[in-house]
Amino acid sequence: LVGFYLFFCGCYDLMFGKNHFFIFLYIQAFAFFIMAFGYVGTF
């Protein structure tokens, strides 16, 4: 859920923002998605 929230904020910043903050938001959202699906460490 937090990953989707960050991804939404990144899309909003990409369309309407001026500070290129979406770069951080997309990368952090991707990190949350990796954690959400358990692709960290050894399974």
PDB file of all heavy atoms in Angstrom:
ATOM      1  N   LEU A   1       0.825  -1.209   0.000  1.00  0.00           N
ATOM      2  CA  LEU A   1       0.000   0.000   0.000  1.00  0.00           C
ATOM      3  C   LEU A   1       0.860   1.260   0.000  1.00  0.00           C
ATOM      4  O   LEU A   1       0.562   2.221  -0.731  1.00  0.00           O
ATOM      5  CB  LEU A   1      -0.928  -0.010   1.219  1.00  0.00           C
ATOM      6  CG  LEU A   1      -2.046  -1.053   1.212  1.00  0.00           C
ATOM      7  CD1 LEU A   1      -2.787  -1.044   2.547  1.00  0.00           C
ATOM      8  CD2 LEU A   1      -3.016  -0.795   0.065  1.00  0.00           C
ATOM      9  N   VAL A   2       1.926   1.270   0.813  1.00  0.00           N
ATOM     10  CA  VAL A   2       2.810   2.438   0.840  1.00  0.00           C
ATOM     11  C   VAL A   2       3.516   2.594  -0.505  1.00  0.00           C
ATOM     12  O   VAL A   2       3.706   3.714  -0.997  1.00  0.00           O
ATOM     13  CB  VAL A   2       3.835   2.319   1.984  1.00  0.00           C
ATOM     14  CG1 VAL A   2       4.843   3.471   1.925  1.00  0.00           C
ATOM     15  CG2 VAL A   2       3.139   2.318   3.330  1.00  0.00           C
ATOM     16  N   GLY A   3       3.881   1.475  -1.134  1.00  0.00           N
ATOM     17  CA  GLY A   3       4.499   1.528  -2.456  1.00  0.00           C
ATOM     18  C   GLY A   3       3.576   2.165  -3.485  1.00  0.00           C
ATOM     19  O   GLY A   3       4.005   3.016  -4.277  1.00  0.00           O
ATOM     20  N   PHE A   4       2.290   1.795  -3.464  1.00  0.00           N
ATOM     21  CA  PHE A   4       1.320   2.399  -4.387  1.00  0.00           C
ATOM     22  C   PHE A   4       1.132   3.884  -4.087  1.00  0.00           C
ATOM     23  O   PHE A   4       0.978   4.705  -5.009  1.00  0.00           O
ATOM     24  CB  PHE A   4      -0.019   1.669  -4.305  1.00  0.00           C
ATOM     25  CG  PHE A   4      -0.065   0.400  -5.106  1.00  0.00           C
ATOM     26  CD1 PHE A   4      -0.390  -0.807  -4.494  1.00  0.00           C
ATOM     27  CD2 PHE A   4       0.219   0.402  -6.460  1.00  0.00           C
ATOM     28  CE1 PHE A   4      -0.429  -1.989  -5.226  1.00  0.00           C
ATOM     29  CE2 PHE A   4       0.178  -0.771  -7.208  1.00  0.00           C
ATOM     30  CZ  PHE A   4      -0.142  -1.963  -6.591  1.00  0.00           C
ATOM     31  N   TYR A   5       1.143   4.248  -2.807  1.00  0.00           N
ATOM     32  CA  TYR A   5       1.021   5.660  -2.420  1.00  0.00           C
ATOM     33  C   TYR A   5       2.198   6.474  -2.973  1.00  0.00           C
ATOM     34  O   TYR A   5       2.000   7.552  -3.559  1.00  0.00           O
ATOM     35  CB  TYR A   5       0.957   5.764  -0.901  1.00  0.00           C
ATOM     36  CG  TYR A   5       1.142   7.159  -0.362  1.00  0.00           C
ATOM     37  CD1 TYR A   5       0.150   8.122  -0.491  1.00  0.00           C
ATOM     38  CD2 TYR A   5       2.325   7.512   0.295  1.00  0.00           C
ATOM     39  CE1 TYR A   5       0.331   9.408   0.012  1.00  0.00           C
ATOM     40  CE2 TYR A   5       2.514   8.784   0.806  1.00  0.00           C
ATOM     41  CZ  TYR A   5       1.517   9.734   0.658  1.00  0.00           C
ATOM     42  OH  TYR A   5       1.694  11.000   1.152  1.00  0.00           O
ATOM     43  N   LEU A   6       3.408   5.966  -2.805  1.00  0.00           N
ATOM     44  CA  LEU A   6       4.592   6.661  -3.322  1.00  0.00           C
ATOM     45  C   LEU A   6       4.573   6.725  -4.844  1.00  0.00           C
ATOM     46  O   LEU A   6       4.962   7.735  -5.441  1.00  0.00           O
ATOM     47  CB  LEU A   6       5.858   5.964  -2.827  1.00  0.00           C
ATOM     48  CG  LEU A   6       6.125   6.030  -1.325  1.00  0.00           C
ATOM     49  CD1 LEU A   6       7.291   5.138  -0.941  1.00  0.00           C
ATOM     50  CD2 LEU A   6       6.402   7.453  -0.881  1.00  0.00           C
ATOM     51  N   PHE A   7       4.119   5.652  -5.478  1.00  0.00           N
ATOM     52  CA  PHE A   7       4.048   5.627  -6.938  1.00  0.00           C
ATOM     53  C   PHE A   7       3.042   6.665  -7.443  1.00  0.00           C
ATOM     54  O   PHE A   7       3.304   7.365  -8.428  1.00  0.00           O
ATOM     55  CB  PHE A   7       3.653   4.233  -7.418  1.00  0.00           C
ATOM     56  CG  PHE A   7       3.679   4.066  -8.901  1.00  0.00           C
ATOM     57  CD1 PHE A   7       4.877   3.888  -9.576  1.00  0.00           C
ATOM     58  CD2 PHE A   7       2.498   4.091  -9.635  1.00  0.00           C
ATOM     59  CE1 PHE A   7       4.910   3.746 -10.952  1.00  0.00           C
ATOM     60  CE2 PHE A   7       2.514   3.949 -11.016  1.00  0.00           C
ATOM     61  CZ  PHE A   7       3.716   3.775 -11.678  1.00  0.00           C
ATOM     62  N   PHE A   8       1.902   6.777  -6.758  1.00  0.00           N
ATOM     63  CA  PHE A   8       0.904   7.784  -7.129  1.00  0.00           C
ATOM     64  C   PHE A   8       1.483   9.189  -6.995  1.00  0.00           C
ATOM     65  O   PHE A   8       1.321  10.043  -7.879  1.00  0.00           O
ATOM     66  CB  PHE A   8      -0.347   7.635  -6.259  1.00  0.00           C
ATOM     67  CG  PHE A   8      -1.271   8.813  -6.324  1.00  0.00           C
ATOM     68  CD1 PHE A   8      -2.103   8.995  -7.421  1.00  0.00           C
ATOM     69  CD2 PHE A   8      -1.303   9.748  -5.292  1.00  0.00           C
ATOM     70  CE1 PHE A   8      -2.953  10.096  -7.491  1.00  0.00           C
ATOM     71  CE2 PHE A   8      -2.141  10.848  -5.354  1.00  0.00           C
ATOM     72  CZ  PHE A   8      -2.970  11.022  -6.459  1.00  0.00           C
ATOM     73  N   CYS A   9       2.158   9.448  -5.869  1.00  0.00           N
ATOM     74  CA  CYS A   9       2.764  10.768  -5.661  1.00  0.00           C
ATOM     75  C   CYS A   9       3.820  11.055  -6.724  1.00  0.00           C
ATOM     76  O   CYS A   9       3.951  12.194  -7.192  1.00  0.00           O
ATOM     77  CB  CYS A   9       3.377  10.852  -4.264  1.00  0.00           C
ATOM     78  SG  CYS A   9       2.170  10.833  -2.911  1.00  0.00           S
ATOM     79  N   GLY A  10       4.573  10.016  -7.125  1.00  0.00           N
ATOM     80  CA  GLY A  10       5.571  10.189  -8.175  1.00  0.00           C
ATOM     81  C   GLY A  10       4.936  10.544  -9.504  1.00  0.00           C
ATOM     82  O   GLY A  10       5.438  11.422 -10.232  1.00  0.00           O
ATOM     83  N   CYS A  11       3.825   9.880  -9.840  1.00  0.00           N
ATOM     84  CA  CYS A  11       3.117  10.190 -11.093  1.00  0.00           C
ATOM     85  C   CYS A  11       2.559  11.609 -11.067  1.00  0.00           C
ATOM     86  O   CYS A  11       2.627  12.335 -12.070  1.00  0.00           O
ATOM     87  CB  CYS A  11       1.984   9.183 -11.313  1.00  0.00           C
ATOM     88  SG  CYS A  11       2.537   7.500 -11.646  1.00  0.00           S
ATOM     89  N   TYR A  12       2.041  12.010  -9.913  1.00  0.00           N
ATOM     90  CA  TYR A  12       1.489  13.369  -9.782  1.00  0.00           C
ATOM     91  C   TYR A  12       2.593  14.406  -9.958  1.00  0.00           C
ATOM     92  O   TYR A  12       2.411  15.417 -10.641  1.00  0.00           O
ATOM     93  CB  TYR A  12       0.834  13.515  -8.414  1.00  0.00           C
ATOM     94  CG  TYR A  12       0.027  14.786  -8.254  1.00  0.00           C
ATOM     95  CD1 TYR A  12      -1.342  14.787  -8.505  1.00  0.00           C
ATOM     96  CD2 TYR A  12       0.627  15.973  -7.838  1.00  0.00           C
ATOM     97  CE1 TYR A  12      -2.093  15.951  -8.353  1.00  0.00           C
ATOM     98  CE2 TYR A  12      -0.102  17.138  -7.690  1.00  0.00           C
ATOM     99  CZ  TYR A  12      -1.462  17.124  -7.955  1.00  0.00           C
ATOM    100  OH  TYR A  12      -2.193  18.280  -7.815  1.00  0.00           O
ATOM    101  N   ASP A  13       3.755  14.139  -9.345  1.00  0.00           N
ATOM    102  CA  ASP A  13       4.875  15.080  -9.463  1.00  0.00           C
ATOM    103  C   ASP A  13       5.409  15.119 -10.889  1.00  0.00           C
ATOM    104  O   ASP A  13       5.812  16.182 -11.378  1.00  0.00           O
ATOM    105  CB  ASP A  13       5.995  14.674  -8.499  1.00  0.00           C
ATOM    106  CG  ASP A  13       7.119  15.688  -8.460  1.00  0.00           C
ATOM    107  OD1 ASP A  13       6.882  16.811  -7.987  1.00  0.00           O
ATOM    108  OD2 ASP A  13       8.231  15.346  -8.908  1.00  0.00           O
ATOM    109  N   LEU A  14       5.409  13.974 -11.576  1.00  0.00           N
ATOM    110  CA  LEU A  14       5.883  13.930 -12.958  1.00  0.00           C
ATOM    111  C   LEU A  14       5.004  14.785 -13.867  1.00  0.00           C
ATOM    112  O   LEU A  14       5.502  15.465 -14.783  1.00  0.00           O
ATOM    113  CB  LEU A  14       5.893  12.482 -13.453  1.00  0.00           C
ATOM    114  CG  LEU A  14       6.341  12.243 -14.906  1.00  0.00           C
ATOM    115  CD1 LEU A  14       7.778  12.699 -15.109  1.00  0.00           C
ATOM    116  CD2 LEU A  14       6.173  10.773 -15.268  1.00  0.00           C
ATOM    117  N   MET A  15       3.696  14.796 -13.606  1.00  0.00           N
ATOM    118  CA  MET A  15       2.768  15.536 -14.456  1.00  0.00           C
ATOM    119  C   MET A  15       2.675  17.019 -14.085  1.00  0.00           C
ATOM    120  O   MET A  15       2.571  17.881 -14.968  1.00  0.00           O
ATOM    121  CB  MET A  15       1.379  14.902 -14.365  1.00  0.00           C
ATOM    122  CG  MET A  15       1.289  13.520 -15.009  1.00  0.00           C
ATOM    123  SD  MET A  15      -0.397  12.879 -15.042  1.00  0.00           S
ATOM    124  CE  MET A  15      -0.670  12.565 -13.289  1.00  0.00           C
ATOM    125  N   PHE A  16       2.742  17.327 -12.783  1.00  0.00           N
ATOM    126  CA  PHE A  16       2.481  18.700 -12.361  1.00  0.00           C
ATOM    127  C   PHE A  16       3.640  19.357 -11.598  1.00  0.00           C
ATOM    128  O   PHE A  16       3.612  20.570 -11.403  1.00  0.00           O
ATOM    129  CB  PHE A  16       1.220  18.740 -11.473  1.00  0.00           C
ATOM    130  CG  PHE A  16       0.012  18.131 -12.107  1.00  0.00           C
ATOM    131  CD1 PHE A  16      -0.470  16.903 -11.665  1.00  0.00           C
ATOM    132  CD2 PHE A  16      -0.638  18.775 -13.150  1.00  0.00           C
ATOM    133  CE1 PHE A  16      -1.592  16.340 -12.247  1.00  0.00           C
ATOM    134  CE2 PHE A  16      -1.761  18.215 -13.734  1.00  0.00           C
ATOM    135  CZ  PHE A  16      -2.238  16.991 -13.295  1.00  0.00           C
ATOM    136  N   GLY A  17       4.591  18.578 -11.147  1.00  0.00           N
ATOM    137  CA  GLY A  17       5.682  19.137 -10.355  1.00  0.00           C
ATOM    138  C   GLY A  17       6.781  19.761 -11.193  1.00  0.00           C
ATOM    139  O   GLY A  17       6.839  19.594 -12.413  1.00  0.00           O
ATOM    140  N   LYS A  18       7.677  20.480 -10.511  1.00  0.00           N
ATOM    141  CA  LYS A  18       8.778  21.168 -11.193  1.00  0.00           C
ATOM    142  C   LYS A  18      10.138  20.859 -10.578  1.00  0.00           C
ATOM    143  O   LYS A  18      11.163  21.332 -11.067  1.00  0.00           O
ATOM    144  CB  LYS A  18       8.556  22.682 -11.143  1.00  0.00           C
ATOM    145  CG  LYS A  18       7.278  23.145 -11.837  1.00  0.00           C
ATOM    146  CD  LYS A  18       7.101  24.648 -11.726  1.00  0.00           C
ATOM    147  CE  LYS A  18       5.812  25.101 -12.406  1.00  0.00           C
ATOM    148  NZ  LYS A  18       5.617  26.574 -12.287  1.00  0.00           N
ATOM    149  N   ASN A  19      10.163  20.064  -9.499  1.00  0.00           N
ATOM    150  CA  ASN A  19      11.424  19.827  -8.780  1.00  0.00           C
ATOM    151  C   ASN A  19      12.033  18.463  -9.037  1.00  0.00           C
ATOM    152  O   ASN A  19      13.015  18.093  -8.396  1.00  0.00           O
ATOM    153  CB  ASN A  19      11.192  20.003  -7.279  1.00  0.00           C
ATOM    154  CG  ASN A  19      10.770  21.418  -6.924  1.00  0.00           C
ATOM    155  OD1 ASN A  19      11.258  22.380  -7.510  1.00  0.00           O
ATOM    156  ND2 ASN A  19       9.853  21.553  -5.974  1.00  0.00           N
ATOM    157  N   HIS A  20      11.450  17.680  -9.948  1.00  0.00           N
ATOM    158  CA  HIS A  20      11.951  16.339 -10.281  1.00  0.00           C
ATOM    159  C   HIS A  20      11.999  15.427  -9.056  1.00  0.00           C
ATOM    160  O   HIS A  20      12.840  14.534  -8.962  1.00  0.00           O
ATOM    161  CB  HIS A  20      13.341  16.414 -10.924  1.00  0.00           C
ATOM    162  CG  HIS A  20      13.383  17.278 -12.145  1.00  0.00           C
ATOM    163  ND1 HIS A  20      12.805  16.910 -13.340  1.00  0.00           N
ATOM    164  CD2 HIS A  20      13.925  18.506 -12.350  1.00  0.00           C
ATOM    165  CE1 HIS A  20      12.994  17.865 -14.232  1.00  0.00           C
ATOM    166  NE2 HIS A  20      13.664  18.848 -13.661  1.00  0.00           N
ATOM    167  N   PHE A  21      11.082  15.640  -8.116  1.00  0.00           N
ATOM    168  CA  PHE A  21      11.027  14.810  -6.920  1.00  0.00           C
ATOM    169  C   PHE A  21      10.569  13.394  -7.247  1.00  0.00           C
ATOM    170  O   PHE A  21      10.769  12.466  -6.465  1.00  0.00           O
ATOM    171  CB  PHE A  21      10.085  15.473  -5.905  1.00  0.00           C
ATOM    172  CG  PHE A  21      10.117  14.861  -4.541  1.00  0.00           C
ATOM    173  CD1 PHE A  21      11.312  14.426  -3.977  1.00  0.00           C
ATOM    174  CD2 PHE A  21       8.956  14.711  -3.790  1.00  0.00           C
ATOM    175  CE1 PHE A  21      11.348  13.859  -2.710  1.00  0.00           C
ATOM    176  CE2 PHE A  21       8.977  14.140  -2.536  1.00  0.00           C
ATOM    177  CZ  PHE A  21      10.175  13.717  -1.996  1.00  0.00           C
ATOM    178  N   PHE A  22       9.949  13.245  -8.422  1.00  0.00           N
ATOM    179  CA  PHE A  22       9.426  11.931  -8.803  1.00  0.00           C
ATOM    180  C   PHE A  22      10.527  10.877  -8.927  1.00  0.00           C
ATOM    181  O   PHE A  22      10.262   9.683  -8.811  1.00  0.00           O
ATOM    182  CB  PHE A  22       8.651  12.031 -10.127  1.00  0.00           C
ATOM    183  CG  PHE A  22       9.489  12.431 -11.306  1.00  0.00           C
ATOM    184  CD1 PHE A  22      10.173  11.487 -12.055  1.00  0.00           C
ATOM    185  CD2 PHE A  22       9.598  13.773 -11.677  1.00  0.00           C
ATOM    186  CE1 PHE A  22      10.945  11.854 -13.147  1.00  0.00           C
ATOM    187  CE2 PHE A  22      10.367  14.144 -12.757  1.00  0.00           C
ATOM    188  CZ  PHE A  22      11.045  13.193 -13.501  1.00  0.00           C
ATOM    189  N   ILE A  23      11.762  11.309  -9.151  1.00  0.00           N
ATOM    190  CA  ILE A  23      12.873  10.356  -9.275  1.00  0.00           C
ATOM    191  C   ILE A  23      13.024   9.581  -7.967  1.00  0.00           C
ATOM    192  O   ILE A  23      13.085   8.342  -7.949  1.00  0.00           O
ATOM    193  CB  ILE A  23      14.178  11.090  -9.637  1.00  0.00           C
ATOM    194  CG1 ILE A  23      14.038  11.782 -10.994  1.00  0.00           C
ATOM    195  CG2 ILE A  23      15.356  10.109  -9.659  1.00  0.00           C
ATOM    196  CD1 ILE A  23      15.218  12.643 -11.363  1.00  0.00           C
ATOM    197  N   PHE A  24      13.079  10.317  -6.855  1.00  0.00           N
ATOM    198  CA  PHE A  24      13.175   9.664  -5.543  1.00  0.00           C
ATOM    199  C   PHE A  24      11.931   8.830  -5.251  1.00  0.00           C
ATOM    200  O   PHE A  24      12.022   7.702  -4.742  1.00  0.00           O
ATOM    201  CB  PHE A  24      13.371  10.712  -4.446  1.00  0.00           C
ATOM    202  CG  PHE A  24      13.087  10.201  -3.057  1.00  0.00           C
ATOM    203  CD1 PHE A  24      13.989   9.362  -2.416  1.00  0.00           C
ATOM    204  CD2 PHE A  24      11.903  10.535  -2.392  1.00  0.00           C
ATOM    205  CE1 PHE A  24      13.725   8.879  -1.135  1.00  0.00           C
ATOM    206  CE2 PHE A  24      11.631  10.063  -1.127  1.00  0.00           C
ATOM    207  CZ  PHE A  24      12.547   9.232  -0.493  1.00  0.00           C
ATOM    208  N   LEU A  25      10.751   9.383  -5.574  1.00  0.00           N
ATOM    209  CA  LEU A  25       9.507   8.687  -5.260  1.00  0.00           C
ATOM    210  C   LEU A  25       9.383   7.363  -5.998  1.00  0.00           C
ATOM    211  O   LEU A  25       8.959   6.361  -5.422  1.00  0.00           O
ATOM    212  CB  LEU A  25       8.314   9.592  -5.595  1.00  0.00           C
ATOM    213  CG  LEU A  25       8.158  10.831  -4.707  1.00  0.00           C
ATOM    214  CD1 LEU A  25       7.062  11.735  -5.245  1.00  0.00           C
ATOM    215  CD2 LEU A  25       7.875  10.435  -3.266  1.00  0.00           C
ATOM    216  N   TYR A  26       9.761   7.344  -7.273  1.00  0.00           N
ATOM    217  CA  TYR A  26       9.694   6.103  -8.040  1.00  0.00           C
ATOM    218  C   TYR A  26      10.675   5.058  -7.498  1.00  0.00           C
ATOM    219  O   TYR A  26      10.343   3.882  -7.375  1.00  0.00           O
ATOM    220  CB  TYR A  26       9.988   6.377  -9.520  1.00  0.00           C
ATOM    221  CG  TYR A  26       8.824   6.942 -10.289  1.00  0.00           C
ATOM    222  CD1 TYR A  26       9.016   7.840 -11.331  1.00  0.00           C
ATOM    223  CD2 TYR A  26       7.520   6.583  -9.970  1.00  0.00           C
ATOM    224  CE1 TYR A  26       7.955   8.364 -12.048  1.00  0.00           C
ATOM    225  CE2 TYR A  26       6.443   7.101 -10.676  1.00  0.00           C
ATOM    226  CZ  TYR A  26       6.668   7.993 -11.720  1.00  0.00           C
ATOM    227  OH  TYR A  26       5.597   8.496 -12.411  1.00  0.00           O
ATOM    228  N   ILE A  27      11.890   5.503  -7.176  1.00  0.00           N
ATOM    229  CA  ILE A  27      12.901   4.571  -6.671  1.00  0.00           C
ATOM    230  C   ILE A  27      12.485   4.006  -5.318  1.00  0.00           C
ATOM    231  O   ILE A  27      12.581   2.798  -5.061  1.00  0.00           O
ATOM    232  CB  ILE A  27      14.269   5.262  -6.563  1.00  0.00           C
ATOM    233  CG1 ILE A  27      14.771   5.665  -7.958  1.00  0.00           C
ATOM    234  CG2 ILE A  27      15.293   4.348  -5.895  1.00  0.00           C
ATOM    235  CD1 ILE A  27      16.059   6.472  -7.934  1.00  0.00           C
ATOM    236  N   GLN A  28      11.964   4.884  -4.433  1.00  0.00           N
ATOM    237  CA  GLN A  28      11.532   4.413  -3.118  1.00  0.00           C
ATOM    238  C   GLN A  28      10.299   3.524  -3.229  1.00  0.00           C
ATOM    239  O   GLN A  28      10.165   2.535  -2.493  1.00  0.00           O
ATOM    240  CB  GLN A  28      11.236   5.609  -2.209  1.00  0.00           C
ATOM    241  CG  GLN A  28      10.975   5.237  -0.762  1.00  0.00           C
ATOM    242  CD  GLN A  28      12.178   4.615  -0.077  1.00  0.00           C
ATOM    243  OE1 GLN A  28      13.168   5.272   0.181  1.00  0.00           O
ATOM    244  NE2 GLN A  28      12.115   3.314   0.202  1.00  0.00           N
ATOM    245  N   ALA A  29       9.398   3.842  -4.153  1.00  0.00           N
ATOM    246  CA  ALA A  29       8.228   2.989  -4.375  1.00  0.00           C
ATOM    247  C   ALA A  29       8.655   1.612  -4.855  1.00  0.00           C
ATOM    248  O   ALA A  29       8.112   0.583  -4.417  1.00  0.00           O
ATOM    249  CB  ALA A  29       7.290   3.638  -5.397  1.00  0.00           C
ATOM    250  N   PHE A  30       9.640   1.573  -5.746  1.00  0.00           N
ATOM    251  CA  PHE A  30      10.165   0.295  -6.248  1.00  0.00           C
ATOM    252  C   PHE A  30      10.760  -0.516  -5.108  1.00  0.00           C
ATOM    253  O   PHE A  30      10.570  -1.739  -5.038  1.00  0.00           O
ATOM    254  CB  PHE A  30      11.212   0.563  -7.330  1.00  0.00           C
ATOM    255  CG  PHE A  30      11.736  -0.676  -7.995  1.00  0.00           C
ATOM    256  CD1 PHE A  30      10.895  -1.494  -8.747  1.00  0.00           C
ATOM    257  CD2 PHE A  30      13.071  -1.035  -7.871  1.00  0.00           C
ATOM    258  CE1 PHE A  30      11.370  -2.639  -9.360  1.00  0.00           C
ATOM    259  CE2 PHE A  30      13.554  -2.175  -8.476  1.00  0.00           C
ATOM    260  CZ  PHE A  30      12.704  -2.981  -9.225  1.00  0.00           C
ATOM    261  N   ALA A  31      11.448   0.163  -4.166  1.00  0.00           N
ATOM    262  CA  ALA A  31      12.013  -0.528  -3.005  1.00  0.00           C
ATOM    263  C   ALA A  31      10.903  -1.124  -2.144  1.00  0.00           C
ATOM    264  O   ALA A  31      11.028  -2.250  -1.643  1.00  0.00           O
ATOM    265  CB  ALA A  31      12.868   0.442  -2.190  1.00  0.00           C
ATOM    266  N   PHE A  32       9.807  -0.396  -1.964  1.00  0.00           N
ATOM    267  CA  PHE A  32       8.679  -0.923  -1.192  1.00  0.00           C
ATOM    268  C   PHE A  32       8.038  -2.108  -1.899  1.00  0.00           C
ATOM    269  O   PHE A  32       7.615  -3.076  -1.254  1.00  0.00           O
ATOM    270  CB  PHE A  32       7.636   0.169  -0.960  1.00  0.00           C
ATOM    271  CG  PHE A  32       7.827   0.915   0.331  1.00  0.00           C
ATOM    272  CD1 PHE A  32       8.497   2.125   0.358  1.00  0.00           C
ATOM    273  CD2 PHE A  32       7.344   0.407   1.530  1.00  0.00           C
ATOM    274  CE1 PHE A  32       8.678   2.825   1.538  1.00  0.00           C
ATOM    275  CE2 PHE A  32       7.521   1.089   2.722  1.00  0.00           C
ATOM    276  CZ  PHE A  32       8.186   2.302   2.730  1.00  0.00           C
ATOM    277  N   PHE A  33       7.956  -2.061  -3.231  1.00  0.00           N
ATOM    278  CA  PHE A  33       7.384  -3.186  -3.969  1.00  0.00           C
ATOM    279  C   PHE A  33       8.253  -4.434  -3.827  1.00  0.00           C
ATOM    280  O   PHE A  33       7.753  -5.549  -3.670  1.00  0.00           O
ATOM    281  CB  PHE A  33       7.236  -2.824  -5.447  1.00  0.00           C
ATOM    282  CG  PHE A  33       6.129  -1.844  -5.729  1.00  0.00           C
ATOM    283  CD1 PHE A  33       6.272  -0.857  -6.694  1.00  0.00           C
ATOM    284  CD2 PHE A  33       4.943  -1.905  -5.021  1.00  0.00           C
ATOM    285  CE1 PHE A  33       5.251   0.046  -6.944  1.00  0.00           C
ATOM    286  CE2 PHE A  33       3.907  -1.004  -5.262  1.00  0.00           C
ATOM    287  CZ  PHE A  33       4.066  -0.022  -6.231  1.00  0.00           C
ATOM    288  N   ILE A  34       9.574  -4.248  -3.889  1.00  0.00           N
ATOM    289  CA  ILE A  34      10.492  -5.381  -3.709  1.00  0.00           C
ATOM    290  C   ILE A  34      10.294  -6.006  -2.333  1.00  0.00           C
ATOM    291  O   ILE A  34      10.223  -7.228  -2.181  1.00  0.00           O
ATOM    292  CB  ILE A  34      11.950  -4.917  -3.904  1.00  0.00           C
ATOM    293  CG1 ILE A  34      12.203  -4.537  -5.356  1.00  0.00           C
ATOM    294  CG2 ILE A  34      12.922  -6.021  -3.476  1.00  0.00           C
ATOM    295  CD1 ILE A  34      13.583  -3.970  -5.612  1.00  0.00           C
ATOM    296  N   MET A  35      10.181  -5.141  -1.303  1.00  0.00           N
ATOM    297  CA  MET A  35       9.962  -5.635   0.054  1.00  0.00           C
ATOM    298  C   MET A  35       8.589  -6.299   0.176  1.00  0.00           C
ATOM    299  O   MET A  35       8.443  -7.341   0.824  1.00  0.00           O
ATOM    300  CB  MET A  35      10.077  -4.478   1.052  1.00  0.00           C
ATOM    301  CG  MET A  35       9.942  -4.876   2.505  1.00  0.00           C
ATOM    302  SD  MET A  35      11.380  -5.778   3.116  1.00  0.00           S
ATOM    303  CE  MET A  35      12.562  -4.425   3.236  1.00  0.00           C
ATOM    304  N   ALA A  36       7.582  -5.694  -0.457  1.00  0.00           N
ATOM    305  CA  ALA A  36       6.219  -6.216  -0.355  1.00  0.00           C
ATOM    306  C   ALA A  36       6.101  -7.623  -0.914  1.00  0.00           C
ATOM    307  O   ALA A  36       5.362  -8.459  -0.381  1.00  0.00           O
ATOM    308  CB  ALA A  36       5.256  -5.280  -1.077  1.00  0.00           C
ATOM    309  N   PHE A  37       6.834  -7.908  -1.990  1.00  0.00           N
ATOM    310  CA  PHE A  37       6.768  -9.231  -2.615  1.00  0.00           C
ATOM    311  C   PHE A  37       7.857 -10.173  -2.107  1.00  0.00           C
ATOM    312  O   PHE A  37       8.026 -11.275  -2.629  1.00  0.00           O
ATOM    313  CB  PHE A  37       6.842  -9.101  -4.135  1.00  0.00           C
ATOM    314  CG  PHE A  37       5.603  -8.490  -4.732  1.00  0.00           C
ATOM    315  CD1 PHE A  37       5.604  -7.184  -5.190  1.00  0.00           C
ATOM    316  CD2 PHE A  37       4.420  -9.214  -4.812  1.00  0.00           C
ATOM    317  CE1 PHE A  37       4.460  -6.613  -5.723  1.00  0.00           C
ATOM    318  CE2 PHE A  37       3.270  -8.664  -5.349  1.00  0.00           C
ATOM    319  CZ  PHE A  37       3.290  -7.345  -5.814  1.00  0.00           C
ATOM    320  N   GLY A  38       8.600  -9.729  -1.091  1.00  0.00           N
ATOM    321  CA  GLY A  38       9.548 -10.624  -0.430  1.00  0.00           C
ATOM    322  C   GLY A  38      10.816 -10.925  -1.193  1.00  0.00           C
ATOM    323  O   GLY A  38      11.495 -11.900  -0.875  1.00  0.00           O
ATOM    324  N   TYR A  39      11.202 -10.083  -2.154  1.00  0.00           N
ATOM    325  CA  TYR A  39      12.399 -10.361  -2.934  1.00  0.00           C
ATOM    326  C   TYR A  39      13.617  -9.720  -2.295  1.00  0.00           C
ATOM    327  O   TYR A  39      14.338  -8.930  -2.903  1.00  0.00           O
ATOM    328  CB  TYR A  39      12.226  -9.901  -4.382  1.00  0.00           C
ATOM    329  CG  TYR A  39      11.262 -10.760  -5.159  1.00  0.00           C
ATOM    330  CD1 TYR A  39       9.971 -10.328  -5.447  1.00  0.00           C
ATOM    331  CD2 TYR A  39      11.630 -12.042  -5.576  1.00  0.00           C
ATOM    332  CE1 TYR A  39       9.088 -11.149  -6.138  1.00  0.00           C
ATOM    333  CE2 TYR A  39      10.753 -12.863  -6.272  1.00  0.00           C
ATOM    334  CZ  TYR A  39       9.485 -12.402  -6.540  1.00  0.00           C
ATOM    335  OH  TYR A  39       8.610 -13.202  -7.218  1.00  0.00           O
ATOM    336  N   VAL A  40      13.840 -10.046  -1.037  1.00  0.00           N
ATOM    337  CA  VAL A  40      14.981  -9.549  -0.287  1.00  0.00           C
ATOM    338  C   VAL A  40      15.595 -10.713   0.447  1.00  0.00           C
ATOM    339  O   VAL A  40      14.887 -11.498   1.079  1.00  0.00           O
ATOM    340  CB  VAL A  40      14.566  -8.457   0.724  1.00  0.00           C
ATOM    341  CG1 VAL A  40      15.772  -8.002   1.531  1.00  0.00           C
ATOM    342  CG2 VAL A  40      13.928  -7.275   0.020  1.00  0.00           C
ATOM    343  N   GLY A  41      16.893 -10.854   0.369  1.00  0.00           N
ATOM    344  CA  GLY A  41      17.565 -11.959   1.063  1.00  0.00           C
ATOM    345  C   GLY A  41      17.316 -13.272   0.378  1.00  0.00           C
ATOM    346  O   GLY A  41      17.005 -13.362  -0.814  1.00  0.00           O
ATOM    347  N   THR A  42      17.434 -14.359   1.139  1.00  0.00           N
ATOM    348  CA  THR A  42      17.241 -15.700   0.636  1.00  0.00           C
ATOM    349  C   THR A  42      15.888 -16.209   1.098  1.00  0.00           C
ATOM    350  O   THR A  42      15.560 -16.110   2.278  1.00  0.00           O
ATOM    351  CB  THR A  42      18.342 -16.637   1.163  1.00  0.00           C
ATOM    352  OG1 THR A  42      19.611 -16.118   0.766  1.00  0.00           O
ATOM    353  CG2 THR A  42      18.166 -18.044   0.589  1.00  0.00           C
ATOM    354  N   PHE A  43      15.093 -16.748   0.190  1.00  0.00           N
ATOM    355  CA  PHE A  43      13.769 -17.240   0.537  1.00  0.00           C
ATOM    356  C   PHE A  43      13.834 -18.737   0.773  1.00  0.00           C
ATOM    357  O   PHE A  43      14.162 -19.507  -0.118  1.00  0.00           O
ATOM    358  CB  PHE A  43      12.770 -16.929  -0.582  1.00  0.00           C
ATOM    359  CG  PHE A  43      11.386 -17.478  -0.309  1.00  0.00           C
ATOM    360  CD1 PHE A  43      10.667 -17.064   0.817  1.00  0.00           C
ATOM    361  CD2 PHE A  43      10.803 -18.396  -1.153  1.00  0.00           C
ATOM    362  CE1 PHE A  43       9.407 -17.552   1.077  1.00  0.00           C
ATOM    363  CE2 PHE A  43       9.534 -18.896  -0.915  1.00  0.00           C
ATOM    364  CZ  PHE A  43       8.829 -18.466   0.206  1.00  0.00           C
TER     365      PHE A  43
END
